[in-house]
N, C-alpha and C. Protein backbone atom coordinates (compact mmCIF):
# COMPACT_ATOMS: atom_id res chain seq x y z
N MET A 1 -7.25 -4.72 -10.78
CA MET A 1 -7.44 -3.73 -9.75
C MET A 1 -6.43 -2.60 -9.99
N PRO A 2 -6.83 -1.36 -9.79
CA PRO A 2 -5.93 -0.23 -10.06
C PRO A 2 -4.81 -0.09 -9.03
N PHE A 3 -3.76 0.59 -9.46
CA PHE A 3 -2.64 0.92 -8.59
C PHE A 3 -2.67 2.42 -8.30
N PHE A 4 -2.24 2.78 -7.10
CA PHE A 4 -2.15 4.18 -6.69
C PHE A 4 -0.74 4.44 -6.19
N VAL A 5 -0.26 5.64 -6.45
CA VAL A 5 1.11 6.01 -6.07
C VAL A 5 1.06 7.26 -5.20
N LYS A 6 1.66 7.14 -4.03
CA LYS A 6 1.82 8.31 -3.16
C LYS A 6 3.27 8.77 -3.34
N THR A 7 3.44 10.00 -3.78
CA THR A 7 4.77 10.61 -3.85
C THR A 7 4.91 11.51 -2.63
N GLU A 8 6.14 11.61 -2.13
CA GLU A 8 6.33 12.40 -0.92
C GLU A 8 7.74 12.99 -0.86
N ILE A 9 7.82 14.11 -0.17
CA ILE A 9 9.09 14.78 0.13
C ILE A 9 9.07 15.12 1.62
N ILE A 10 10.14 14.78 2.32
CA ILE A 10 10.23 15.12 3.74
C ILE A 10 10.32 16.63 3.88
N LYS A 11 9.54 17.17 4.79
CA LYS A 11 9.54 18.62 5.03
C LYS A 11 10.90 19.06 5.56
N LYS A 12 11.32 20.24 5.14
CA LYS A 12 12.65 20.74 5.48
C LYS A 12 12.93 20.75 6.98
N GLU A 13 11.93 21.10 7.78
CA GLU A 13 12.17 21.19 9.23
C GLU A 13 12.52 19.84 9.85
N TYR A 14 12.20 18.73 9.15
CA TYR A 14 12.51 17.40 9.67
C TYR A 14 13.85 16.87 9.16
N LEU A 15 14.41 17.52 8.16
CA LEU A 15 15.67 17.03 7.61
C LEU A 15 16.81 17.08 8.64
N ILE A 16 16.76 18.04 9.56
CA ILE A 16 17.83 18.16 10.54
C ILE A 16 17.51 17.43 11.85
N ASN A 17 16.26 17.03 12.04
CA ASN A 17 15.85 16.34 13.26
C ASN A 17 15.85 14.83 12.99
N ASN A 18 17.05 14.26 12.94
CA ASN A 18 17.18 12.86 12.54
C ASN A 18 16.52 11.87 13.50
N ASP A 19 16.54 12.15 14.80
CA ASP A 19 15.93 11.23 15.76
C ASP A 19 14.43 11.12 15.55
N LEU A 20 13.76 12.26 15.43
CA LEU A 20 12.32 12.26 15.20
C LEU A 20 11.99 11.67 13.83
N LYS A 21 12.75 12.04 12.83
CA LYS A 21 12.53 11.52 11.47
C LYS A 21 12.65 9.99 11.48
N ARG A 22 13.70 9.46 12.09
CA ARG A 22 13.93 8.01 12.14
C ARG A 22 12.78 7.31 12.88
N LYS A 23 12.31 7.90 13.99
CA LYS A 23 11.20 7.33 14.77
C LYS A 23 9.95 7.21 13.89
N ILE A 24 9.63 8.27 13.17
CA ILE A 24 8.43 8.25 12.32
C ILE A 24 8.60 7.29 11.16
N ILE A 25 9.79 7.24 10.58
CA ILE A 25 10.03 6.31 9.47
C ILE A 25 9.90 4.86 9.96
N ASN A 26 10.38 4.57 11.17
CA ASN A 26 10.22 3.22 11.72
C ASN A 26 8.75 2.88 11.93
N GLU A 27 7.96 3.85 12.38
CA GLU A 27 6.51 3.64 12.52
C GLU A 27 5.89 3.35 11.15
N HIS A 28 6.34 4.07 10.14
CA HIS A 28 5.86 3.87 8.77
C HIS A 28 6.18 2.45 8.29
N ILE A 29 7.41 2.00 8.53
CA ILE A 29 7.83 0.65 8.12
C ILE A 29 6.96 -0.40 8.80
N ASN A 30 6.70 -0.23 10.09
CA ASN A 30 5.85 -1.18 10.81
C ASN A 30 4.41 -1.15 10.29
N TRP A 31 3.92 0.03 9.91
CA TRP A 31 2.58 0.17 9.33
C TRP A 31 2.50 -0.60 8.01
N ILE A 32 3.54 -0.47 7.18
CA ILE A 32 3.58 -1.20 5.89
C ILE A 32 3.57 -2.70 6.14
N LYS A 33 4.39 -3.17 7.08
CA LYS A 33 4.44 -4.61 7.40
C LYS A 33 3.07 -5.12 7.85
N LYS A 34 2.37 -4.34 8.67
CA LYS A 34 1.04 -4.71 9.15
C LYS A 34 0.07 -4.85 7.98
N LEU A 35 0.10 -3.88 7.05
CA LEU A 35 -0.80 -3.94 5.90
C LEU A 35 -0.50 -5.15 5.02
N LYS A 36 0.78 -5.45 4.83
CA LYS A 36 1.15 -6.63 4.04
C LYS A 36 0.62 -7.91 4.69
N LYS A 37 0.71 -7.99 6.02
CA LYS A 37 0.19 -9.16 6.73
C LYS A 37 -1.32 -9.29 6.56
N GLU A 38 -1.99 -8.15 6.37
CA GLU A 38 -3.45 -8.15 6.15
C GLU A 38 -3.80 -8.49 4.71
N GLY A 39 -2.78 -8.71 3.87
CA GLY A 39 -3.01 -9.11 2.48
C GLY A 39 -3.08 -7.96 1.49
N ILE A 40 -2.72 -6.78 1.92
CA ILE A 40 -2.75 -5.62 1.01
C ILE A 40 -1.46 -5.59 0.20
N ASN A 41 -1.60 -5.42 -1.11
CA ASN A 41 -0.45 -5.33 -2.00
C ASN A 41 0.09 -3.90 -1.95
N ILE A 42 1.16 -3.71 -1.22
CA ILE A 42 1.72 -2.37 -1.00
C ILE A 42 3.23 -2.45 -0.98
N LYS A 43 3.87 -1.44 -1.54
CA LYS A 43 5.33 -1.31 -1.54
C LYS A 43 5.66 0.12 -1.17
N SER A 44 6.77 0.30 -0.46
CA SER A 44 7.18 1.63 -0.06
C SER A 44 8.69 1.70 -0.08
N GLY A 45 9.22 2.85 -0.50
CA GLY A 45 10.67 3.03 -0.52
C GLY A 45 11.03 4.48 -0.76
N PHE A 46 12.33 4.74 -0.74
CA PHE A 46 12.80 6.11 -0.93
C PHE A 46 13.71 6.20 -2.14
N LEU A 47 13.88 7.42 -2.61
CA LEU A 47 14.68 7.68 -3.81
C LEU A 47 16.09 8.10 -3.42
N ILE A 48 17.06 7.67 -4.23
CA ILE A 48 18.45 8.07 -4.03
C ILE A 48 19.00 8.63 -5.33
N ASP A 49 20.05 9.45 -5.22
CA ASP A 49 20.65 10.02 -6.42
C ASP A 49 21.73 9.09 -6.97
N GLU A 50 22.46 9.56 -7.98
CA GLU A 50 23.47 8.71 -8.63
C GLU A 50 24.62 8.33 -7.70
N LEU A 51 24.78 9.06 -6.60
CA LEU A 51 25.81 8.74 -5.61
C LEU A 51 25.24 7.95 -4.43
N LYS A 52 24.00 7.46 -4.60
CA LYS A 52 23.32 6.64 -3.60
C LYS A 52 22.94 7.43 -2.35
N ARG A 53 22.78 8.76 -2.48
CA ARG A 53 22.39 9.61 -1.35
C ARG A 53 20.87 9.78 -1.35
N PRO A 54 20.23 9.52 -0.20
CA PRO A 54 18.79 9.74 -0.11
C PRO A 54 18.48 11.23 0.00
N GLY A 55 17.22 11.57 -0.11
CA GLY A 55 16.82 12.96 0.10
C GLY A 55 15.90 13.51 -0.96
N ASP A 56 15.64 12.72 -2.01
CA ASP A 56 14.77 13.20 -3.08
C ASP A 56 13.34 12.71 -2.95
N GLY A 57 13.00 12.18 -1.79
CA GLY A 57 11.62 11.78 -1.55
C GLY A 57 11.42 10.29 -1.57
N GLY A 58 10.15 9.91 -1.61
CA GLY A 58 9.82 8.50 -1.58
C GLY A 58 8.56 8.21 -2.38
N LEU A 59 8.32 6.92 -2.56
CA LEU A 59 7.15 6.44 -3.28
C LEU A 59 6.48 5.34 -2.47
N LEU A 60 5.19 5.31 -2.52
CA LEU A 60 4.41 4.21 -1.98
C LEU A 60 3.47 3.78 -3.09
N ILE A 61 3.45 2.49 -3.38
CA ILE A 61 2.61 1.94 -4.44
C ILE A 61 1.62 0.98 -3.80
N LEU A 62 0.36 1.16 -4.12
CA LEU A 62 -0.72 0.44 -3.47
C LEU A 62 -1.71 -0.07 -4.52
N GLU A 63 -2.07 -1.33 -4.41
CA GLU A 63 -3.11 -1.89 -5.28
C GLU A 63 -4.39 -1.99 -4.45
N ILE A 64 -5.40 -1.24 -4.88
CA ILE A 64 -6.68 -1.20 -4.15
C ILE A 64 -7.78 -0.81 -5.13
N ASN A 65 -9.02 -1.05 -4.77
CA ASN A 65 -10.11 -0.96 -5.74
C ASN A 65 -10.46 0.45 -6.24
N ASN A 66 -10.22 1.52 -5.44
CA ASN A 66 -10.57 2.85 -5.94
C ASN A 66 -9.82 3.94 -5.17
N TYR A 67 -9.88 5.16 -5.70
CA TYR A 67 -9.15 6.29 -5.11
C TYR A 67 -9.61 6.57 -3.69
N LYS A 68 -10.90 6.52 -3.46
CA LYS A 68 -11.44 6.83 -2.13
C LYS A 68 -10.83 5.91 -1.07
N ASN A 69 -10.77 4.62 -1.37
CA ASN A 69 -10.20 3.67 -0.41
C ASN A 69 -8.69 3.81 -0.29
N ALA A 70 -8.04 4.15 -1.39
CA ALA A 70 -6.59 4.40 -1.34
C ALA A 70 -6.30 5.59 -0.43
N LEU A 71 -7.05 6.65 -0.59
CA LEU A 71 -6.86 7.86 0.22
C LEU A 71 -7.13 7.58 1.70
N LYS A 72 -8.20 6.84 1.96
CA LYS A 72 -8.55 6.49 3.34
C LYS A 72 -7.40 5.72 4.00
N LEU A 73 -6.83 4.78 3.28
CA LEU A 73 -5.73 3.98 3.81
C LEU A 73 -4.47 4.83 4.00
N ILE A 74 -4.11 5.60 2.98
CA ILE A 74 -2.90 6.41 2.99
C ILE A 74 -2.92 7.44 4.11
N LYS A 75 -4.06 7.97 4.42
CA LYS A 75 -4.15 8.99 5.48
C LYS A 75 -3.78 8.43 6.86
N ASN A 76 -3.66 7.11 6.99
CA ASN A 76 -3.22 6.49 8.23
C ASN A 76 -1.71 6.27 8.29
N ASP A 77 -1.03 6.61 7.23
CA ASP A 77 0.43 6.47 7.19
C ASP A 77 1.04 7.36 8.26
N PRO A 78 1.88 6.82 9.15
CA PRO A 78 2.51 7.66 10.18
C PRO A 78 3.30 8.85 9.62
N MET A 79 3.78 8.75 8.39
CA MET A 79 4.48 9.88 7.80
C MET A 79 3.52 11.03 7.51
N ILE A 80 2.25 10.71 7.31
CA ILE A 80 1.22 11.72 7.09
C ILE A 80 0.61 12.17 8.42
N THR A 81 0.28 11.21 9.28
CA THR A 81 -0.35 11.58 10.55
C THR A 81 0.58 12.42 11.43
N ASN A 82 1.89 12.24 11.25
CA ASN A 82 2.88 13.04 12.00
C ASN A 82 3.36 14.27 11.24
N ASP A 83 2.74 14.51 10.06
CA ASP A 83 3.05 15.71 9.25
C ASP A 83 4.52 15.80 8.86
N LEU A 84 5.14 14.64 8.59
CA LEU A 84 6.55 14.58 8.21
C LEU A 84 6.79 14.97 6.76
N VAL A 85 5.80 14.73 5.90
CA VAL A 85 5.99 14.87 4.46
C VAL A 85 4.94 15.75 3.79
N GLU A 86 5.36 16.33 2.67
CA GLU A 86 4.42 16.88 1.69
C GLU A 86 4.13 15.71 0.77
N TRP A 87 2.87 15.46 0.45
CA TRP A 87 2.55 14.26 -0.32
C TRP A 87 1.42 14.51 -1.30
N LYS A 88 1.32 13.57 -2.22
CA LYS A 88 0.28 13.61 -3.24
C LYS A 88 -0.06 12.17 -3.61
N LEU A 89 -1.32 11.91 -3.85
CA LEU A 89 -1.78 10.58 -4.24
C LEU A 89 -2.36 10.64 -5.65
N ASN A 90 -1.93 9.70 -6.48
CA ASN A 90 -2.43 9.61 -7.85
C ASN A 90 -2.68 8.16 -8.22
N GLU A 91 -3.64 7.95 -9.11
CA GLU A 91 -3.80 6.62 -9.69
C GLU A 91 -2.80 6.47 -10.81
N TRP A 92 -2.21 5.29 -10.92
CA TRP A 92 -1.27 5.00 -12.00
C TRP A 92 -2.01 4.26 -13.10
N VAL A 93 -1.81 4.71 -14.33
CA VAL A 93 -2.46 4.08 -15.48
C VAL A 93 -1.38 3.45 -16.36
N ASP A 94 -1.51 2.16 -16.60
CA ASP A 94 -0.57 1.42 -17.45
C ASP A 94 -0.79 1.88 -18.90
N SER A 95 0.26 2.40 -19.51
CA SER A 95 0.13 2.91 -20.89
C SER A 95 -0.25 1.82 -21.87
N ASN A 96 0.03 0.57 -21.54
CA ASN A 96 -0.38 -0.54 -22.41
C ASN A 96 -1.88 -0.78 -22.37
N GLN A 97 -2.54 -0.23 -21.35
CA GLN A 97 -3.98 -0.38 -21.21
C GLN A 97 -4.75 0.75 -21.90
N CYS A 98 -4.03 1.80 -22.31
CA CYS A 98 -4.69 2.95 -22.96
C CYS A 98 -5.14 2.57 -24.35
N LYS A 99 -6.28 3.13 -24.73
CA LYS A 99 -6.80 2.85 -26.07
C LYS A 99 -6.59 4.02 -26.97
């Protein structure tokens, strides 16, 4: 089954609004936990720099049968529904599978 990767960057206007940002991120974490309980293979996390400082965005990795279903699922992410992030969804192709 293919993997899909959502890359994201928090919008600048939310970087200073820590209370709202934290609320939406907690909703996102609970959404991920719910999907895992439903048996969906999904991982989500954020990027840090060499000094362990966050702020360079995040990744969500999802194993699902096709792009259409990945997009449908991802559009329910609270980080998207609350317009917290700029995001993009791509299918990941294992280079060992390329011919």
